[in-house]
PDB file of N, CA and C in Angstrom:
ATOM      1  N   MET A   1      -2.745  -6.550  25.858  1.00  0.00           N
ATOM      2  CA  MET A   1      -3.919  -5.942  26.716  1.00  0.00           C
ATOM      3  C   MET A   1      -4.018  -5.031  26.422  1.00  0.00           C
ATOM      4  N   ARG A   2      -5.347  -4.638  26.284  1.00  0.00           N
ATOM      5  CA  ARG A   2      -6.194  -3.480  25.646  1.00  0.00           C
ATOM      6  C   ARG A   2      -6.542  -2.200  26.606  1.00  0.00           C
ATOM      7  N   ILE A   3      -6.300  -0.890  26.694  1.00  0.00           N
ATOM      8  CA  ILE A   3      -6.967  -0.052  27.677  1.00  0.00           C
ATOM      9  C   ILE A   3      -8.066   0.271  27.192  1.00  0.00           C
ATOM     10  N   GLY A   4      -9.090   0.288  27.762  1.00  0.00           N
ATOM     11  CA  GLY A   4     -10.042   0.915  27.173  1.00  0.00           C
ATOM     12  C   GLY A   4     -10.890   0.818  25.803  1.00  0.00           C
ATOM     13  N   PHE A   5     -11.135   2.003  25.101  1.00  0.00           N
ATOM     14  CA  PHE A   5     -11.707   1.756  23.414  1.00  0.00           C
ATOM     15  C   PHE A   5     -10.420   2.009  22.563  1.00  0.00           C
ATOM     16  N   ALA A   6      -8.999   1.988  23.129  1.00  0.00           N
ATOM     17  CA  ALA A   6      -7.698   2.383  22.138  1.00  0.00           C
ATOM     18  C   ALA A   6      -7.472   1.075  21.017  1.00  0.00           C
ATOM     19  N   GLY A   7      -8.410   0.123  20.645  1.00  0.00           N
ATOM     20  CA  GLY A   7      -7.728  -0.531  19.983  1.00  0.00           C
ATOM     21  C   GLY A   7      -9.284  -0.773  18.936  1.00  0.00           C
ATOM     22  N   ARG A   8     -10.145   0.078  19.077  1.00  0.00           N
ATOM     23  CA  ARG A   8     -11.437   0.126  18.345  1.00  0.00           C
ATOM     24  C   ARG A   8     -11.307   1.059  17.208  1.00  0.00           C
ATOM     25  N   PRO A   9     -11.632   0.613  15.851  1.00  0.00           N
ATOM     26  CA  PRO A   9     -11.297   1.208  14.763  1.00  0.00           C
ATOM     27  C   PRO A   9     -11.888   2.714  15.071  1.00  0.00           C
ATOM     28  N   TRP A  10     -13.308   2.715  15.334  1.00  0.00           N
ATOM     29  CA  TRP A  10     -13.781   3.753  15.404  1.00  0.00           C
ATOM     30  C   TRP A  10     -13.276   4.743  16.672  1.00  0.00           C
ATOM     31  N   PHE A  11     -12.821   4.491  17.418  1.00  0.00           N
ATOM     32  CA  PHE A  11     -12.280   5.302  18.195  1.00  0.00           C
ATOM     33  C   PHE A  11     -10.691   5.877  17.858  1.00  0.00           C
ATOM     34  N   ARG A  12     -10.019   5.188  16.603  1.00  0.00           N
ATOM     35  CA  ARG A  12      -9.009   5.343  16.347  1.00  0.00           C
ATOM     36  C   ARG A  12      -9.344   6.206  14.924  1.00  0.00           C
ATOM     37  N   ARG A  13     -10.424   6.419  14.261  1.00  0.00           N
ATOM     38  CA  ARG A  13     -10.627   7.260  13.357  1.00  0.00           C
ATOM     39  C   ARG A  13     -11.131   9.041  14.206  1.00  0.00           C
ATOM     40  N   VAL A  14     -11.699   8.473  15.205  1.00  0.00           N
ATOM     41  CA  VAL A  14     -11.656   9.835  15.991  1.00  0.00           C
ATOM     42  C   VAL A  14     -11.097  10.302  16.353  1.00  0.00           C
ATOM     43  N   VAL A  15      -9.514  10.030  17.057  1.00  0.00           N
ATOM     44  CA  VAL A  15      -8.960  10.510  17.242  1.00  0.00           C
ATOM     45  C   VAL A  15      -7.769  10.979  16.334  1.00  0.00           C
ATOM     46  N   PHE A  16      -7.842  10.364  15.217  1.00  0.00           N
ATOM     47  CA  PHE A  16      -7.059  10.496  13.931  1.00  0.00           C
ATOM     48  C   PHE A  16      -7.808  11.817  13.746  1.00  0.00           C
ATOM     49  N   GLY A  17      -9.109  11.789  13.864  1.00  0.00           N
ATOM     50  CA  GLY A  17      -9.733  13.140  12.956  1.00  0.00           C
ATOM     51  C   GLY A  17      -9.842  14.182  13.724  1.00  0.00           C
ATOM     52  N   TRP A  18      -9.234  14.504  15.060  1.00  0.00           N
ATOM     53  CA  TRP A  18      -9.225  15.112  16.307  1.00  0.00           C
ATOM     54  C   TRP A  18      -7.707  15.948  15.374  1.00  0.00           C
ATOM     55  N   VAL A  19      -6.675  14.799  15.609  1.00  0.00           N
ATOM     56  CA  VAL A  19      -5.266  15.171  14.997  1.00  0.00           C
ATOM     57  C   VAL A  19      -4.952  16.117  14.170  1.00  0.00           C
ATOM     58  N   GLY A  20      -6.175  15.278  12.416  1.00  0.00           N
ATOM     59  CA  GLY A  20      -6.177  16.259  11.507  1.00  0.00           C
ATOM     60  C   GLY A  20      -6.424  17.698  12.043  1.00  0.00           C
ATOM     61  N   ALA A  21      -7.740  17.409  12.445  1.00  0.00           N
ATOM     62  CA  ALA A  21      -8.243  18.742  12.406  1.00  0.00           C
ATOM     63  C   ALA A  21      -7.447  19.756  13.172  1.00  0.00           C
ATOM     64  N   LEU A  22      -6.580  19.339  14.623  1.00  0.00           N
ATOM     65  CA  LEU A  22      -5.520  20.112  15.037  1.00  0.00           C
ATOM     66  C   LEU A  22      -4.583  20.742  14.248  1.00  0.00           C
ATOM     67  N   VAL A  23      -4.434  20.069  13.261  1.00  0.00           N
ATOM     68  CA  VAL A  23      -2.853  20.283  12.644  1.00  0.00           C
ATOM     69  C   VAL A  23      -3.345  21.112  11.466  1.00  0.00           C
ATOM     70  N   LEU A  24      -4.538  20.931  10.516  1.00  0.00           N
ATOM     71  CA  LEU A  24      -5.085  21.949  10.280  1.00  0.00           C
ATOM     72  C   LEU A  24      -5.353  23.161  10.858  1.00  0.00           C
ATOM     73  N   ALA A  25      -5.853  23.436  12.071  1.00  0.00           N
ATOM     74  CA  ALA A  25      -5.959  24.262  12.244  1.00  0.00           C
ATOM     75  C   ALA A  25      -4.663  24.987  13.219  1.00  0.00           C
ATOM     76  N   GLY A  26      -3.184  24.313  13.135  1.00  0.00           N
ATOM     77  CA  GLY A  26      -2.520  25.238  13.317  1.00  0.00           C
ATOM     78  C   GLY A  26      -1.438  24.975  12.132  1.00  0.00           C
ATOM     79  N   SER A  27      -2.184  25.433  11.365  1.00  0.00           N
ATOM     80  CA  SER A  27      -1.434  25.409   9.669  1.00  0.00           C
ATOM     81  C   SER A  27      -0.444  26.409   9.863  1.00  0.00           C
ATOM     82  N   PRO A  28       0.343  26.650   9.032  1.00  0.00           N
ATOM     83  CA  PRO A  28       0.917  28.448   9.051  1.00  0.00           C
ATOM     84  C   PRO A  28       0.303  29.422   7.974  1.00  0.00           C
ATOM     85  N   ALA A  29      -0.086  30.295   8.982  1.00  0.00           N
ATOM     86  CA  ALA A  29      -0.591  31.832   8.446  1.00  0.00           C
ATOM     87  C   ALA A  29       0.412  32.184   7.670  1.00  0.00           C
ATOM     88  N   VAL A  30       0.157  33.311   6.837  1.00  0.00           N
ATOM     89  CA  VAL A  30       1.140  34.514   5.797  1.00  0.00           C
ATOM     90  C   VAL A  30       2.023  34.747   6.797  1.00  0.00           C
ATOM     91  N   ALA A  31       1.499  35.308   8.213  1.00  0.00           N
ATOM     92  CA  ALA A  31       2.964  36.251   8.649  1.00  0.00           C
ATOM     93  C   ALA A  31       3.647  34.996   8.969  1.00  0.00           C
ATOM     94  N   ARG A  32       3.573  33.594   9.257  1.00  0.00           N
ATOM     95  CA  ARG A  32       4.321  32.903   9.834  1.00  0.00           C
ATOM     96  C   ARG A  32       4.874  31.658   8.870  1.00  0.00           C
ATOM     97  N   ALA A  33       4.421  32.170   7.231  1.00  0.00           N
ATOM     98  CA  ALA A  33       5.453  31.234   6.613  1.00  0.00           C
ATOM     99  C   ALA A  33       6.860  31.610   6.529  1.00  0.00           C
ATOM    100  N   ASP A  34       7.218  32.771   6.687  1.00  0.00           N
ATOM    101  CA  ASP A  34       8.861  33.055   6.702  1.00  0.00           C
ATOM    102  C   ASP A  34      10.126  32.152   7.555  1.00  0.00           C
ATOM    103  N   CYS A  35       8.892  31.820   8.586  1.00  0.00           N
ATOM    104  CA  CYS A  35       9.849  31.180   9.420  1.00  0.00           C
ATOM    105  C   CYS A  35       9.881  29.395   8.699  1.00  0.00           C
ATOM    106  N   LEU A  36       8.737  29.096   8.405  1.00  0.00           N
ATOM    107  CA  LEU A  36       8.770  28.175   8.126  1.00  0.00           C
ATOM    108  C   LEU A  36       9.680  28.012   6.706  1.00  0.00           C
ATOM    109  N   ASN A  37       9.587  28.850   6.133  1.00  0.00           N
ATOM    110  CA  ASN A  37      10.335  28.452   4.576  1.00  0.00           C
ATOM    111  C   ASN A  37      11.808  28.418   4.951  1.00  0.00           C
ATOM    112  N   GLU A  38      12.031  29.517   6.187  1.00  0.00           N
ATOM    113  CA  GLU A  38      13.374  29.369   6.401  1.00  0.00           C
ATOM    114  C   GLU A  38      13.788  27.586   7.085  1.00  0.00           C
ATOM    115  N   ALA A  39      12.824  27.545   7.692  1.00  0.00           N
ATOM    116  CA  ALA A  39      13.751  25.957   8.485  1.00  0.00           C
ATOM    117  C   ALA A  39      13.719  25.006   7.281  1.00  0.00           C
ATOM    118  N   ILE A  40      12.669  24.831   6.100  1.00  0.00           N
ATOM    119  CA  ILE A  40      12.834  23.955   4.828  1.00  0.00           C
ATOM    120  C   ILE A  40      14.039  24.045   4.705  1.00  0.00           C
ATOM    121  N   GLU A  41      14.391  24.921   4.027  1.00  0.00           N
ATOM    122  CA  GLU A  41      15.348  25.608   3.666  1.00  0.00           C
ATOM    123  C   GLU A  41      17.344  25.073   4.141  1.00  0.00           C
ATOM    124  N   SER A  42      16.968  25.736   5.416  1.00  0.00           N
ATOM    125  CA  SER A  42      17.901  25.198   6.035  1.00  0.00           C
ATOM    126  C   SER A  42      18.430  23.524   6.513  1.00  0.00           C
ATOM    127  N   CYS A  43      17.046  23.445   6.392  1.00  0.00           N
ATOM    128  CA  CYS A  43      16.843  21.096   6.659  1.00  0.00           C
ATOM    129  C   CYS A  43      17.105  20.861   5.027  1.00  0.00           C
ATOM    130  N   ASN A  44      17.085  21.001   4.068  1.00  0.00           N
ATOM    131  CA  ASN A  44      17.080  20.687   2.799  1.00  0.00           C
ATOM    132  C   ASN A  44      18.696  20.859   2.194  1.00  0.00           C
ATOM    133  N   ALA A  45      19.644  21.627   2.707  1.00  0.00           N
ATOM    134  CA  ALA A  45      20.454  22.273   2.813  1.00  0.00           C
ATOM    135  C   ALA A  45      21.313  21.419   3.808  1.00  0.00           C
ATOM    136  N   ASP A  46      21.204  20.684   5.289  1.00  0.00           N
ATOM    137  CA  ASP A  46      21.808  19.797   6.222  1.00  0.00           C
ATOM    138  C   ASP A  46      21.453  18.444   5.278  1.00  0.00           C
ATOM    139  N   PHE A  47      20.379  17.892   4.990  1.00  0.00           N
ATOM    140  CA  PHE A  47      19.852  16.756   5.068  1.00  0.00           C
ATOM    141  C   PHE A  47      19.533  16.440   3.358  1.00  0.00           C
ATOM    142  N   SER A  48      20.410  16.026   2.534  1.00  0.00           N
ATOM    143  CA  SER A  48      19.825  15.745   1.502  1.00  0.00           C
ATOM    144  C   SER A  48      18.883  14.716   0.737  1.00  0.00           C
ATOM    145  N   SER A  49      18.166  14.318  -0.463  1.00  0.00           N
ATOM    146  CA  SER A  49      17.118  14.194  -1.041  1.00  0.00           C
ATOM    147  C   SER A  49      17.752  12.495  -1.101  1.00  0.00           C
ATOM    148  N   LEU A  50      19.040  12.376  -1.184  1.00  0.00           N
ATOM    149  CA  LEU A  50      19.465  10.598  -2.016  1.00  0.00           C
ATOM    150  C   LEU A  50      19.054   9.571  -1.035  1.00  0.00           C
ATOM    151  N   SER A  51      18.746   9.585   0.419  1.00  0.00           N
ATOM    152  CA  SER A  51      18.697   8.344   0.535  1.00  0.00           C
ATOM    153  C   SER A  51      17.402   8.325   1.154  1.00  0.00           C
ATOM    154  N   ASP A  52      16.395   6.814   1.437  1.00  0.00           N
ATOM    155  CA  ASP A  52      15.147   6.923   2.053  1.00  0.00           C
ATOM    156  C   ASP A  52      15.403   7.460   3.455  1.00  0.00           C
ATOM    157  N   ARG A  53      16.250   6.746   3.699  1.00  0.00           N
ATOM    158  CA  ARG A  53      16.207   7.142   5.498  1.00  0.00           C
ATOM    159  C   ARG A  53      16.542   8.495   5.774  1.00  0.00           C
ATOM    160  N   LEU A  54      16.995   9.026   5.328  1.00  0.00           N
ATOM    161  CA  LEU A  54      17.411  10.668   5.666  1.00  0.00           C
ATOM    162  C   LEU A  54      16.254  11.521   5.405  1.00  0.00           C
ATOM    163  N   THR A  55      15.137  11.101   4.369  1.00  0.00           N
ATOM    164  CA  THR A  55      13.601  11.958   4.299  1.00  0.00           C
ATOM    165  C   THR A  55      13.188  11.467   5.622  1.00  0.00           C
ATOM    166  N   GLY A  56      13.041  10.544   6.150  1.00  0.00           N
ATOM    167  CA  GLY A  56      12.318  11.067   7.434  1.00  0.00           C
ATOM    168  C   GLY A  56      13.006  11.637   9.029  1.00  0.00           C
ATOM    169  N   ILE A  57      13.929  11.962   8.233  1.00  0.00           N
ATOM    170  CA  ILE A  57      15.191  12.499   9.264  1.00  0.00           C
ATOM    171  C   ILE A  57      14.571  14.430   8.843  1.00  0.00           C
ATOM    172  N   ARG A  58      14.618  14.556   7.565  1.00  0.00           N
ATOM    173  CA  ARG A  58      14.310  15.889   7.010  1.00  0.00           C
ATOM    174  C   ARG A  58      12.809  15.986   7.626  1.00  0.00           C
ATOM    175  N   GLY A  59      12.001  15.019   7.344  1.00  0.00           N
ATOM    176  CA  GLY A  59      10.426  15.390   8.256  1.00  0.00           C
ATOM    177  C   GLY A  59      10.734  16.047   9.650  1.00  0.00           C
ATOM    178  N   TRP A  60      11.495  15.038  10.220  1.00  0.00           N
ATOM    179  CA  TRP A  60      11.493  15.750  11.684  1.00  0.00           C
ATOM    180  C   TRP A  60      12.481  17.109  11.649  1.00  0.00           C
ATOM    181  N   CYS A  61      13.119  17.112  11.069  1.00  0.00           N
ATOM    182  CA  CYS A  61      14.196  18.571  11.002  1.00  0.00           C
ATOM    183  C   CYS A  61      13.718  19.902  10.707  1.00  0.00           C
ATOM    184  N   TYR A  62      11.835  19.323   9.894  1.00  0.00           N
ATOM    185  CA  TYR A  62      11.459  20.398   9.658  1.00  0.00           C
ATOM    186  C   TYR A  62      10.367  21.236  10.945  1.00  0.00           C
ATOM    187  N   ILE A  63       9.779  20.319  11.605  1.00  0.00           N
ATOM    188  CA  ILE A  63       8.548  20.320  12.582  1.00  0.00           C
ATOM    189  C   ILE A  63       9.718  20.636  13.707  1.00  0.00           C
ATOM    190  N   ILE A  64      10.905  20.372  13.802  1.00  0.00           N
ATOM    191  CA  ILE A  64      11.842  21.033  14.865  1.00  0.00           C
ATOM    192  C   ILE A  64      12.110  22.570  14.616  1.00  0.00           C
ATOM    193  N   ARG A  65      12.667  22.523  13.491  1.00  0.00           N
ATOM    194  CA  ARG A  65      12.760  24.175  13.405  1.00  0.00           C
ATOM    195  C   ARG A  65      12.066  24.972  13.111  1.00  0.00           C
ATOM    196  N   TRP A  66      10.894  24.169  12.473  1.00  0.00           N
ATOM    197  CA  TRP A  66       9.368  25.341  12.612  1.00  0.00           C
ATOM    198  C   TRP A  66       9.473  25.622  13.917  1.00  0.00           C
ATOM    199  N   SER A  67       8.987  24.533  14.850  1.00  0.00           N
ATOM    200  CA  SER A  67       8.324  24.748  16.061  1.00  0.00           C
ATOM    201  C   SER A  67       9.658  25.961  17.381  1.00  0.00           C
ATOM    202  N   TRP A  68      10.873  25.680  16.749  1.00  0.00           N
ATOM    203  CA  TRP A  68      11.775  25.881  17.695  1.00  0.00           C
ATOM    204  C   TRP A  68      11.560  27.499  17.074  1.00  0.00           C
ATOM    205  N   CYS A  69      11.811  27.986  16.065  1.00  0.00           N
ATOM    206  CA  CYS A  69      11.322  29.180  15.544  1.00  0.00           C
ATOM    207  C   CYS A  69       9.978  29.939  15.778  1.00  0.00           C
ATOM    208  N   GLU A  70       9.014  29.409  15.798  1.00  0.00           N
ATOM    209  CA  GLU A  70       8.029  29.745  16.422  1.00  0.00           C
ATOM    210  C   GLU A  70       7.726  30.020  18.003  1.00  0.00           C
ATOM    211  N   ALA A  71       8.629  29.444  18.608  1.00  0.00           N
ATOM    212  CA  ALA A  71       8.618  29.443  19.742  1.00  0.00           C
ATOM    213  C   ALA A  71       9.557  30.546  20.660  1.00  0.00           C
ATOM    214  N   PHE A  72      10.542  30.741  19.837  1.00  0.00           N
ATOM    215  CA  PHE A  72      11.700  31.725  20.360  1.00  0.00           C
ATOM    216  C   PHE A  72      12.209  32.763  19.398  1.00  0.00           C
ATOM    217  N   ASP A  73      11.151  32.771  18.695  1.00  0.00           N
ATOM    218  CA  ASP A  73      11.367  34.597  17.572  1.00  0.00           C
ATOM    219  C   ASP A  73      10.225  35.231  17.958  1.00  0.00           C
ATOM    220  N   PRO A  74      10.322  36.617  17.980  1.00  0.00           N
ATOM    221  CA  PRO A  74       8.897  37.298  18.190  1.00  0.00           C
ATOM    222  C   PRO A  74       8.305  37.766  16.863  1.00  0.00           C
ATOM    223  N   GLU A  75       7.289  37.717  16.783  1.00  0.00           N
ATOM    224  CA  GLU A  75       6.189  37.347  15.772  1.00  0.00           C
ATOM    225  C   GLU A  75       6.706  39.447  15.632  1.00  0.00           C
ATOM    226  N   PRO A  76       6.614  39.763  14.232  1.00  0.00           N
ATOM    227  CA  PRO A  76       6.221  41.061  13.076  1.00  0.00           C
ATOM    228  C   PRO A  76       5.341  41.851  13.955  1.00  0.00           C
TER     229      PRO A  76
END
């Protein structure tokens, strides 16, 4: 069952284009880079890159820890 335009290729391009634009707009600036670097280092220490399955988990770890750091650590 299709819901509206959700299955149309042009609509998917529009949605993914907006998602891409929002990701670029929210990319880390110089002031927030320390938080991102700490998140990456801690995730790399917790999850090795020896398994393909752990690569996906590590990616989610980056996202979760960086957003946690951004949400609860005050900016300088």
